[in-house]
C-alpha atoms as a PDB file:
ATOM      1  CA  UNK A   1     -10.159  -9.544  11.698  1.00  0.00           C
ATOM      2  CA  UNK A   2     -12.139  -9.345  14.941  1.00  0.00           C
ATOM      3  CA  UNK A   3     -11.218  -6.540  17.317  1.00  0.00           C
ATOM      4  CA  UNK A   4     -11.697  -8.753  20.401  1.00  0.00           C
ATOM      5  CA  UNK A   5     -13.152  -5.705  22.131  1.00  0.00           C
ATOM      6  CA  UNK A   6     -15.760  -6.094  24.881  1.00  0.00           C
ATOM      7  CA  UNK A   7     -18.055  -3.451  23.396  1.00  0.00           C
ATOM      8  CA  UNK A   8     -17.324  -3.127  19.678  1.00  0.00           C
ATOM      9  CA  UNK A   9     -18.598  -3.794  17.083  1.00  0.00           C
ATOM     10  CA  UNK A  10     -21.731  -1.933  18.139  1.00  0.00           C
ATOM     11  CA  UNK A  11     -24.670  -0.584  16.154  1.00  0.00           C
ATOM     12  CA  UNK A  12     -26.331   2.745  16.892  1.00  0.00           C
ATOM     13  CA  UNK A  13     -28.676   4.777  14.723  1.00  0.00           C
ATOM     14  CA  UNK A  14     -28.136   2.389  11.757  1.00  0.00           C
ATOM     15  CA  UNK A  15     -24.363   2.842  11.923  1.00  0.00           C
ATOM     16  CA  UNK A  16     -22.038  -0.031  12.852  1.00  0.00           C
ATOM     17  CA  UNK A  17     -19.055   1.165  14.883  1.00  0.00           C
ATOM     18  CA  UNK A  18     -15.965  -1.002  15.133  1.00  0.00           C
ATOM     19  CA  UNK A  19     -12.367  -0.672  16.348  1.00  0.00           C
ATOM     20  CA  UNK A  20      -8.928  -2.226  16.214  1.00  0.00           C
ATOM     21  CA  UNK A  21      -6.082  -2.200  18.692  1.00  0.00           C
ATOM     22  CA  UNK A  22      -3.049  -0.052  17.914  1.00  0.00           C
ATOM     23  CA  UNK A  23      -0.128  -1.085  20.107  1.00  0.00           C
ATOM     24  CA  UNK A  24       2.132   1.641  21.488  1.00  0.00           C
ATOM     25  CA  UNK A  25       5.675   0.280  21.790  1.00  0.00           C
ATOM     26  CA  UNK A  26       7.884   2.231  24.202  1.00  0.00           C
ATOM     27  CA  UNK A  27      11.068   2.166  26.262  1.00  0.00           C
ATOM     28  CA  UNK A  28       9.964   1.560  29.874  1.00  0.00           C
ATOM     29  CA  UNK A  29      12.729   3.757  31.247  1.00  0.00           C
ATOM     30  CA  UNK A  30      12.351   6.781  28.986  1.00  0.00           C
ATOM     31  CA  UNK A  31       9.894   9.689  28.943  1.00  0.00           C
ATOM     32  CA  UNK A  32       9.475  12.886  26.954  1.00  0.00           C
ATOM     33  CA  UNK A  33       9.514  13.701  23.261  1.00  0.00           C
ATOM     34  CA  UNK A  34      11.962  12.550  20.625  1.00  0.00           C
ATOM     35  CA  UNK A  35      14.788  14.918  19.695  1.00  0.00           C
ATOM     36  CA  UNK A  36      13.746  15.081  16.047  1.00  0.00           C
ATOM     37  CA  UNK A  37      10.548  14.502  14.069  1.00  0.00           C
ATOM     38  CA  UNK A  38      12.435  12.351  11.566  1.00  0.00           C
ATOM     39  CA  UNK A  39      12.839   8.717  12.551  1.00  0.00           C
ATOM     40  CA  UNK A  40      16.552   7.808  12.293  1.00  0.00           C
ATOM     41  CA  UNK A  41      17.206   4.943   9.857  1.00  0.00           C
ATOM     42  CA  UNK A  42      20.405   3.213  10.957  1.00  0.00           C
ATOM     43  CA  UNK A  43      21.525  -0.010   9.273  1.00  0.00           C
ATOM     44  CA  UNK A  44      21.595  -2.990  11.701  1.00  0.00           C
ATOM     45  CA  UNK A  45      19.719  -1.055  14.399  1.00  0.00           C
ATOM     46  CA  UNK A  46      16.692  -2.748  16.018  1.00  0.00           C
ATOM     47  CA  UNK A  47      13.297  -1.068  15.773  1.00  0.00           C
ATOM     48  CA  UNK A  48      10.832  -1.714  18.612  1.00  0.00           C
ATOM     49  CA  UNK A  49      12.949  -4.627  19.876  1.00  0.00           C
ATOM     50  CA  UNK A  50      11.898  -6.800  16.933  1.00  0.00           C
ATOM     51  CA  UNK A  51      12.889  -5.507  13.492  1.00  0.00           C
ATOM     52  CA  UNK A  52      16.539  -5.215  12.404  1.00  0.00           C
ATOM     53  CA  UNK A  53      17.116  -2.579   9.709  1.00  0.00           C
ATOM     54  CA  UNK A  54      18.743  -4.169   6.653  1.00  0.00           C
ATOM     55  CA  UNK A  55      18.345  -1.687   3.798  1.00  0.00           C
ATOM     56  CA  UNK A  56      16.721   1.637   2.935  1.00  0.00           C
ATOM     57  CA  UNK A  57      14.272   1.003   0.091  1.00  0.00           C
ATOM     58  CA  UNK A  58      12.957   4.467  -0.744  1.00  0.00           C
ATOM     59  CA  UNK A  59      10.495   7.197   0.135  1.00  0.00           C
ATOM     60  CA  UNK A  60       7.010   8.262  -0.923  1.00  0.00           C
ATOM     61  CA  UNK A  61       4.992  11.427  -0.308  1.00  0.00           C
ATOM     62  CA  UNK A  62       4.590  10.884   3.426  1.00  0.00           C
ATOM     63  CA  UNK A  63       6.523   7.736   4.311  1.00  0.00           C
ATOM     64  CA  UNK A  64       9.814   5.882   4.069  1.00  0.00           C
ATOM     65  CA  UNK A  65      10.234   2.185   3.361  1.00  0.00           C
ATOM     66  CA  UNK A  66      12.978  -0.028   4.748  1.00  0.00           C
ATOM     67  CA  UNK A  67      13.794  -3.710   4.474  1.00  0.00           C
ATOM     68  CA  UNK A  68      13.967  -5.362   7.886  1.00  0.00           C
ATOM     69  CA  UNK A  69      14.712  -8.751   9.358  1.00  0.00           C
ATOM     70  CA  UNK A  70      11.910  -9.837  11.697  1.00  0.00           C
ATOM     71  CA  UNK A  71      13.653 -11.403  14.679  1.00  0.00           C
ATOM     72  CA  UNK A  72      10.387 -13.021  15.786  1.00  0.00           C
ATOM     73  CA  UNK A  73       9.410 -14.755  12.514  1.00  0.00           C
ATOM     74  CA  UNK A  74      12.972 -14.942  11.113  1.00  0.00           C
ATOM     75  CA  UNK A  75      11.776 -13.486   7.793  1.00  0.00           C
ATOM     76  CA  UNK A  76      12.547 -10.410   5.730  1.00  0.00           C
ATOM     77  CA  UNK A  77       9.759  -7.829   5.742  1.00  0.00           C
ATOM     78  CA  UNK A  78       9.010  -4.346   4.470  1.00  0.00           C
ATOM     79  CA  UNK A  79       8.519  -1.639   7.086  1.00  0.00           C
ATOM     80  CA  UNK A  80       6.715   1.575   6.171  1.00  0.00           C
ATOM     81  CA  UNK A  81       7.491   4.507   8.502  1.00  0.00           C
ATOM     82  CA  UNK A  82       4.845   7.228   8.404  1.00  0.00           C
ATOM     83  CA  UNK A  83       5.942  10.851   8.778  1.00  0.00           C
ATOM     84  CA  UNK A  84       5.208  12.544  12.102  1.00  0.00           C
ATOM     85  CA  UNK A  85       2.240  14.534  10.825  1.00  0.00           C
ATOM     86  CA  UNK A  86      -1.375  14.274  11.959  1.00  0.00           C
ATOM     87  CA  UNK A  87      -2.924  14.190   8.471  1.00  0.00           C
ATOM     88  CA  UNK A  88      -0.516  11.460   7.336  1.00  0.00           C
ATOM     89  CA  UNK A  89      -1.111   9.573  10.562  1.00  0.00           C
ATOM     90  CA  UNK A  90      -4.893   9.711  10.065  1.00  0.00           C
ATOM     91  CA  UNK A  91      -4.629   8.520   6.453  1.00  0.00           C
ATOM     92  CA  UNK A  92      -2.389   5.627   7.488  1.00  0.00           C
ATOM     93  CA  UNK A  93      -4.741   4.615  10.310  1.00  0.00           C
ATOM     94  CA  UNK A  94      -7.394   4.358   7.604  1.00  0.00           C
ATOM     95  CA  UNK A  95      -5.058   2.304   5.405  1.00  0.00           C
ATOM     96  CA  UNK A  96      -4.465  -0.144   8.271  1.00  0.00           C
ATOM     97  CA  UNK A  97      -8.226  -0.475   8.683  1.00  0.00           C
ATOM     98  CA  UNK A  98      -8.641  -1.322   4.990  1.00  0.00           C
ATOM     99  CA  UNK A  99      -5.662  -3.704   4.892  1.00  0.00           C
ATOM    100  CA  UNK A 100      -7.094  -5.552   7.904  1.00  0.00           C
ATOM    101  CA  UNK A 101     -10.478  -5.661   6.155  1.00  0.00           C
ATOM    102  CA  UNK A 102      -8.975  -7.046   2.930  1.00  0.00           C
ATOM    103  CA  UNK A 103      -6.721  -9.538   4.733  1.00  0.00           C
ATOM    104  CA  UNK A 104      -9.600 -10.769   6.893  1.00  0.00           C
ATOM    105  CA  UNK A 105     -11.793 -11.431   3.864  1.00  0.00           C
ATOM    106  CA  UNK A 106      -9.175 -13.116   1.692  1.00  0.00           C
ATOM    107  CA  UNK A 107      -8.104 -16.700   2.265  1.00  0.00           C
ATOM    108  CA  UNK A 108      -5.188 -16.480  -0.172  1.00  0.00           C
ATOM    109  CA  UNK A 109      -3.682 -13.023  -0.738  1.00  0.00           C
ATOM    110  CA  UNK A 110      -1.150 -14.428  -3.226  1.00  0.00           C
ATOM    111  CA  UNK A 111      -3.962 -15.802  -5.357  1.00  0.00           C
ATOM    112  CA  UNK A 112      -5.718 -12.421  -5.327  1.00  0.00           C
ATOM    113  CA  UNK A 113      -2.504 -10.438  -5.946  1.00  0.00           C
ATOM    114  CA  UNK A 114      -2.937  -8.364  -2.813  1.00  0.00           C
ATOM    115  CA  UNK A 115      -0.517  -7.270  -0.099  1.00  0.00           C
ATOM    116  CA  UNK A 116      -0.146  -9.208   3.157  1.00  0.00           C
ATOM    117  CA  UNK A 117      -0.276  -7.138   6.340  1.00  0.00           C
ATOM    118  CA  UNK A 118       2.041  -8.506   9.041  1.00  0.00           C
ATOM    119  CA  UNK A 119       2.142  -5.933  11.836  1.00  0.00           C
ATOM    120  CA  UNK A 120       1.439  -2.314  12.759  1.00  0.00           C
ATOM    121  CA  UNK A 121       2.292  -0.232  15.815  1.00  0.00           C
ATOM    122  CA  UNK A 122       3.113   3.239  17.159  1.00  0.00           C
ATOM    123  CA  UNK A 123       6.684   3.834  18.317  1.00  0.00           C
ATOM    124  CA  UNK A 124       8.813   6.927  18.959  1.00  0.00           C
ATOM    125  CA  UNK A 125       6.109   9.309  17.658  1.00  0.00           C
ATOM    126  CA  UNK A 126       5.709   7.405  14.375  1.00  0.00           C
ATOM    127  CA  UNK A 127       3.218   4.939  12.977  1.00  0.00           C
ATOM    128  CA  UNK A 128       4.745   1.782  11.470  1.00  0.00           C
ATOM    129  CA  UNK A 129       3.122  -0.599   8.989  1.00  0.00           C
ATOM    130  CA  UNK A 130       4.867  -3.932   8.360  1.00  0.00           C
ATOM    131  CA  UNK A 131       4.015  -6.007   5.287  1.00  0.00           C
ATOM    132  CA  UNK A 132       5.485  -8.787   3.205  1.00  0.00           C
ATOM    133  CA  UNK A 133       8.620  -7.839   1.270  1.00  0.00           C
ATOM    134  CA  UNK A 134       8.235  -7.514  -2.490  1.00  0.00           C
ATOM    135  CA  UNK A 135      10.525  -6.318  -5.321  1.00  0.00           C
ATOM    136  CA  UNK A 136      10.625  -3.148  -7.461  1.00  0.00           C
ATOM    137  CA  UNK A 137       7.488  -1.286  -8.398  1.00  0.00           C
ATOM    138  CA  UNK A 138       6.523  -1.237 -12.072  1.00  0.00           C
ATOM    139  CA  UNK A 139       7.710   2.345 -12.569  1.00  0.00           C
ATOM    140  CA  UNK A 140      11.187   1.689 -11.179  1.00  0.00           C
ATOM    141  CA  UNK A 141      11.683  -1.557 -13.034  1.00  0.00           C
ATOM    142  CA  UNK A 142      10.319  -0.254 -16.347  1.00  0.00           C
ATOM    143  CA  UNK A 143      12.764   2.663 -16.174  1.00  0.00           C
ATOM    144  CA  UNK A 144      15.686   0.372 -15.266  1.00  0.00           C
ATOM    145  CA  UNK A 145      14.741  -2.173 -17.923  1.00  0.00           C
ATOM    146  CA  UNK A 146      14.687   0.398 -20.744  1.00  0.00           C
ATOM    147  CA  UNK A 147      17.840   2.225 -19.628  1.00  0.00           C
ATOM    148  CA  UNK A 148      20.082  -0.691 -18.604  1.00  0.00           C
ATOM    149  CA  UNK A 149      18.854  -4.073 -19.821  1.00  0.00           C
ATOM    150  CA  UNK A 150      19.125  -5.132 -23.450  1.00  0.00           C
ATOM    151  CA  UNK A 151      15.838  -7.023 -23.739  1.00  0.00           C
ATOM    152  CA  UNK A 152      12.483  -5.299 -23.192  1.00  0.00           C
ATOM    153  CA  UNK A 153      10.706  -6.984 -20.273  1.00  0.00           C
ATOM    154  CA  UNK A 154       7.194  -5.621 -20.770  1.00  0.00           C
ATOM    155  CA  UNK A 155       6.266  -7.406 -23.989  1.00  0.00           C
ATOM    156  CA  UNK A 156       2.679  -8.224 -24.935  1.00  0.00           C
ATOM    157  CA  UNK A 157       2.497 -11.679 -23.260  1.00  0.00           C
ATOM    158  CA  UNK A 158       3.851 -10.263 -19.979  1.00  0.00           C
ATOM    159  CA  UNK A 159       1.536  -7.271 -20.171  1.00  0.00           C
ATOM    160  CA  UNK A 160      -1.375  -9.652 -20.650  1.00  0.00           C
ATOM    161  CA  UNK A 161      -0.274 -11.570 -17.560  1.00  0.00           C
ATOM    162  CA  UNK A 162       0.125  -8.363 -15.528  1.00  0.00           C
ATOM    163  CA  UNK A 163      -3.280  -7.125 -16.695  1.00  0.00           C
ATOM    164  CA  UNK A 164      -4.971 -10.351 -15.605  1.00  0.00           C
ATOM    165  CA  UNK A 165      -3.379 -10.127 -12.150  1.00  0.00           C
ATOM    166  CA  UNK A 166      -4.318  -6.465 -11.627  1.00  0.00           C
ATOM    167  CA  UNK A 167      -7.883  -7.167 -12.746  1.00  0.00           C
ATOM    168  CA  UNK A 168      -7.932 -10.102 -10.350  1.00  0.00           C
ATOM    169  CA  UNK A 169      -6.964  -7.821  -7.455  1.00  0.00           C
ATOM    170  CA  UNK A 170      -9.411  -5.105  -8.509  1.00  0.00           C
ATOM    171  CA  UNK A 171     -12.250  -7.593  -8.898  1.00  0.00           C
ATOM    172  CA  UNK A 172     -11.698  -8.766  -5.336  1.00  0.00           C
ATOM    173  CA  UNK A 173     -11.552  -5.316  -3.718  1.00  0.00           C
ATOM    174  CA  UNK A 174     -14.490  -4.108  -5.831  1.00  0.00           C
ATOM    175  CA  UNK A 175     -16.509  -7.055  -4.508  1.00  0.00           C
ATOM    176  CA  UNK A 176     -15.677  -5.692  -1.046  1.00  0.00           C
ATOM    177  CA  UNK A 177     -17.209  -2.353  -2.177  1.00  0.00           C
ATOM    178  CA  UNK A 178     -13.794  -0.665  -2.280  1.00  0.00           C
ATOM    179  CA  UNK A 179     -12.326   1.632  -4.949  1.00  0.00           C
ATOM    180  CA  UNK A 180      -8.518   1.724  -4.953  1.00  0.00           C
ATOM    181  CA  UNK A 181      -8.441   5.398  -6.081  1.00  0.00           C
ATOM    182  CA  UNK A 182      -4.671   5.558  -6.667  1.00  0.00           C
ATOM    183  CA  UNK A 183      -3.693   2.837  -9.097  1.00  0.00           C
ATOM    184  CA  UNK A 184      -0.371   3.707 -10.773  1.00  0.00           C
ATOM    185  CA  UNK A 185       2.914   1.918 -11.629  1.00  0.00           C
ATOM    186  CA  UNK A 186       4.421   2.898  -8.260  1.00  0.00           C
ATOM    187  CA  UNK A 187       1.602   1.077  -6.460  1.00  0.00           C
ATOM    188  CA  UNK A 188       2.072  -2.236  -8.249  1.00  0.00           C
ATOM    189  CA  UNK A 189       5.028  -4.242  -6.973  1.00  0.00           C
ATOM    190  CA  UNK A 190       6.752  -7.193  -8.572  1.00  0.00           C
ATOM    191  CA  UNK A 191       6.720 -10.411  -6.580  1.00  0.00           C
ATOM    192  CA  UNK A 192       8.643 -12.523  -9.110  1.00  0.00           C
ATOM    193  CA  UNK A 193      10.462 -11.358 -12.251  1.00  0.00           C
ATOM    194  CA  UNK A 194      10.813 -14.834 -13.769  1.00  0.00           C
ATOM    195  CA  UNK A 195       7.142 -15.741 -13.238  1.00  0.00           C
ATOM    196  CA  UNK A 196       5.947 -12.173 -13.916  1.00  0.00           C
ATOM    197  CA  UNK A 197       3.941 -11.997 -10.685  1.00  0.00           C
ATOM    198  CA  UNK A 198       2.753  -8.709  -9.190  1.00  0.00           C
ATOM    199  CA  UNK A 199       0.764  -7.396  -6.234  1.00  0.00           C
ATOM    200  CA  UNK A 200      -1.361  -4.278  -5.812  1.00  0.00           C
ATOM    201  CA  UNK A 201      -0.416  -2.140  -2.801  1.00  0.00           C
ATOM    202  CA  UNK A 202      -1.148   1.209  -1.086  1.00  0.00           C
ATOM    203  CA  UNK A 203      -4.756   1.579   0.027  1.00  0.00           C
ATOM    204  CA  UNK A 204      -4.147   4.921   1.740  1.00  0.00           C
ATOM    205  CA  UNK A 205      -6.421   6.754  -0.713  1.00  0.00           C
ATOM    206  CA  UNK A 206      -9.032   4.005  -1.094  1.00  0.00           C
ATOM    207  CA  UNK A 207     -12.688   4.527  -0.240  1.00  0.00           C
ATOM    208  CA  UNK A 208     -15.908   2.563  -0.103  1.00  0.00           C
ATOM    209  CA  UNK A 209     -18.224   2.964  -3.084  1.00  0.00           C
ATOM    210  CA  UNK A 210     -20.819   4.674  -0.907  1.00  0.00           C
ATOM    211  CA  UNK A 211     -18.583   7.231   0.816  1.00  0.00           C
ATOM    212  CA  UNK A 212     -16.609   9.322  -1.649  1.00  0.00           C
ATOM    213  CA  UNK A 213     -14.784  11.616   0.720  1.00  0.00           C
ATOM    214  CA  UNK A 214     -12.923  13.713  -1.834  1.00  0.00           C
ATOM    215  CA  UNK A 215     -13.086  14.889  -5.424  1.00  0.00           C
ATOM    216  CA  UNK A 216      -9.269  14.965  -5.365  1.00  0.00           C
ATOM    217  CA  UNK A 217      -8.364  11.321  -5.886  1.00  0.00           C
ATOM    218  CA  UNK A 218      -5.962   9.473  -8.193  1.00  0.00           C
ATOM    219  CA  UNK A 219      -2.535  10.671  -9.284  1.00  0.00           C
ATOM    220  CA  UNK A 220      -2.776  13.218 -12.080  1.00  0.00           C
ATOM    221  CA  UNK A 221      -1.474  11.122 -14.990  1.00  0.00           C
ATOM    222  CA  UNK A 222      -3.837   8.262 -14.135  1.00  0.00           C
ATOM    223  CA  UNK A 223      -6.906  10.341 -13.225  1.00  0.00           C
ATOM    224  CA  UNK A 224     -10.178   9.395 -14.898  1.00  0.00           C
ATOM    225  CA  UNK A 225     -12.216  12.024 -16.828  1.00  0.00           C
ATOM    226  CA  UNK A 226     -15.132  11.892 -14.382  1.00  0.00           C
ATOM    227  CA  UNK A 227     -12.787  12.763 -11.522  1.00  0.00           C
ATOM    228  CA  UNK A 228     -11.229  15.646 -13.480  1.00  0.00           C
ATOM    229  CA  UNK A 229     -14.715  16.994 -14.273  1.00  0.00           C
ATOM    230  CA  UNK A 230     -15.863  16.684 -10.660  1.00  0.00           C
ATOM    231  CA  UNK A 231     -18.577  14.137 -11.505  1.00  0.00           C
ATOM    232  CA  UNK A 232     -19.627  11.136  -9.453  1.00  0.00           C
ATOM    233  CA  UNK A 233     -17.199   8.264  -9.803  1.00  0.00           C
ATOM    234  CA  UNK A 234     -17.215   4.533  -9.143  1.00  0.00           C
ATOM    235  CA  UNK A 235     -15.104   1.401  -9.697  1.00  0.00           C
ATOM    236  CA  UNK A 236     -14.499   2.358 -13.337  1.00  0.00           C
ATOM    237  CA  UNK A 237     -11.877   4.939 -12.375  1.00  0.00           C
ATOM    238  CA  UNK A 238      -9.566   2.076 -11.381  1.00  0.00           C
ATOM    239  CA  UNK A 239     -10.001   0.547 -14.848  1.00  0.00           C
ATOM    240  CA  UNK A 240      -9.115   3.874 -16.481  1.00  0.00           C
ATOM    241  CA  UNK A 241      -5.910   3.985 -14.420  1.00  0.00           C
ATOM    242  CA  UNK A 242      -5.073   0.435 -15.488  1.00  0.00           C
ATOM    243  CA  UNK A 243      -5.365   1.417 -19.155  1.00  0.00           C
ATOM    244  CA  UNK A 244      -2.972   4.332 -18.593  1.00  0.00           C
ATOM    245  CA  UNK A 245      -0.492   2.029 -16.837  1.00  0.00           C
ATOM    246  CA  UNK A 246      -0.501  -0.538 -19.647  1.00  0.00           C
ATOM    247  CA  UNK A 247       0.068   2.114 -22.315  1.00  0.00           C
ATOM    248  CA  UNK A 248       2.993   3.483 -20.310  1.00  0.00           C
ATOM    249  CA  UNK A 249       4.609   0.087 -19.776  1.00  0.00           C
ATOM    250  CA  UNK A 250       4.287  -0.785 -23.474  1.00  0.00           C
ATOM    251  CA  UNK A 251       5.578   2.501 -24.915  1.00  0.00           C
ATOM    252  CA  UNK A 252       7.875   3.658 -22.118  1.00  0.00           C
ATOM    253  CA  UNK A 253       6.077   7.028 -21.973  1.00  0.00           C
ATOM    254  CA  UNK A 254       3.453   8.412 -19.609  1.00  0.00           C
ATOM    255  CA  UNK A 255       0.185   8.502 -21.586  1.00  0.00           C
ATOM    256  CA  UNK A 256      -1.132  11.776 -20.098  1.00  0.00           C
ATOM    257  CA  UNK A 257       1.515  14.230 -18.918  1.00  0.00           C
END
C-alpha cells in the first residue's frame, strides 16, 4: 500500500525508508490523559465514532479482542485493542506494517488463507487494529470439540485440508521473505467449520529472512531445535511449528510440553 507521502519512500546509504499514516482519533472537546490505562469494553458503546461493541472475544498476552459492528461498512469486524505499553505498541506498529505489506501484495487474501486488514488507528491512549471477523482458533475449537462434541472434528481428511491451507499461507509469506515466527493453534483461526477453511493470523513476531532481531522467537511448545540451540534460523522453523500443530490436533495432546 503506498504511503502517499511527499517524501517517502526515500533511499539513503543503500537503505529504503518508508512510512505509513497512523490516524489519531480524538474528542475535539476533551484534553488530558485517560483516567485508567485499561480501555473500557462496554457492550453497545461506540469506539472512535465508528465501531459498536457487540461481544468480548478474548485476550492474548498484550491485547484484547472484541467483535464490533462497523457503522461505516455495515459489517461485523474484529477489533484488537493493544495494551497501553510502549513495547506492545512498538510491536503492534510493526505488525501493522507487515499486514499492510502482505495485503498490498496479495490480490486474494481468502485464496492465500491470510488475514484481511481493514483499519488501524490510535484512540484514547491505545492502538487499535481492525480486521475481518473469523471464528474460533484451532486451540479453542479442538478443546471444545473433544470435551463437548461427540464426533471428532480433526480427522485425517480435515487435517490434510488444514495442512494444505497453512502451507499455502506460509508459501506466500515466505515468497515475501517473511518468517511467521509464532505459528501455533491460537494463531490459526477457522473461517468456516463446514468447509474446513482457516486463516493464519498474528504477525506481531514475524521478521524478514535477512533481519533476525531476536533469538527468542516462537512459543515454547512449537519452537524449532535451531531456535532452542541459538543457531541461525530460516523459513523451516515455521514448518517445524506446523508439524507440532498437526500432531496436537490429531492426538489432542501438546507434542512438546
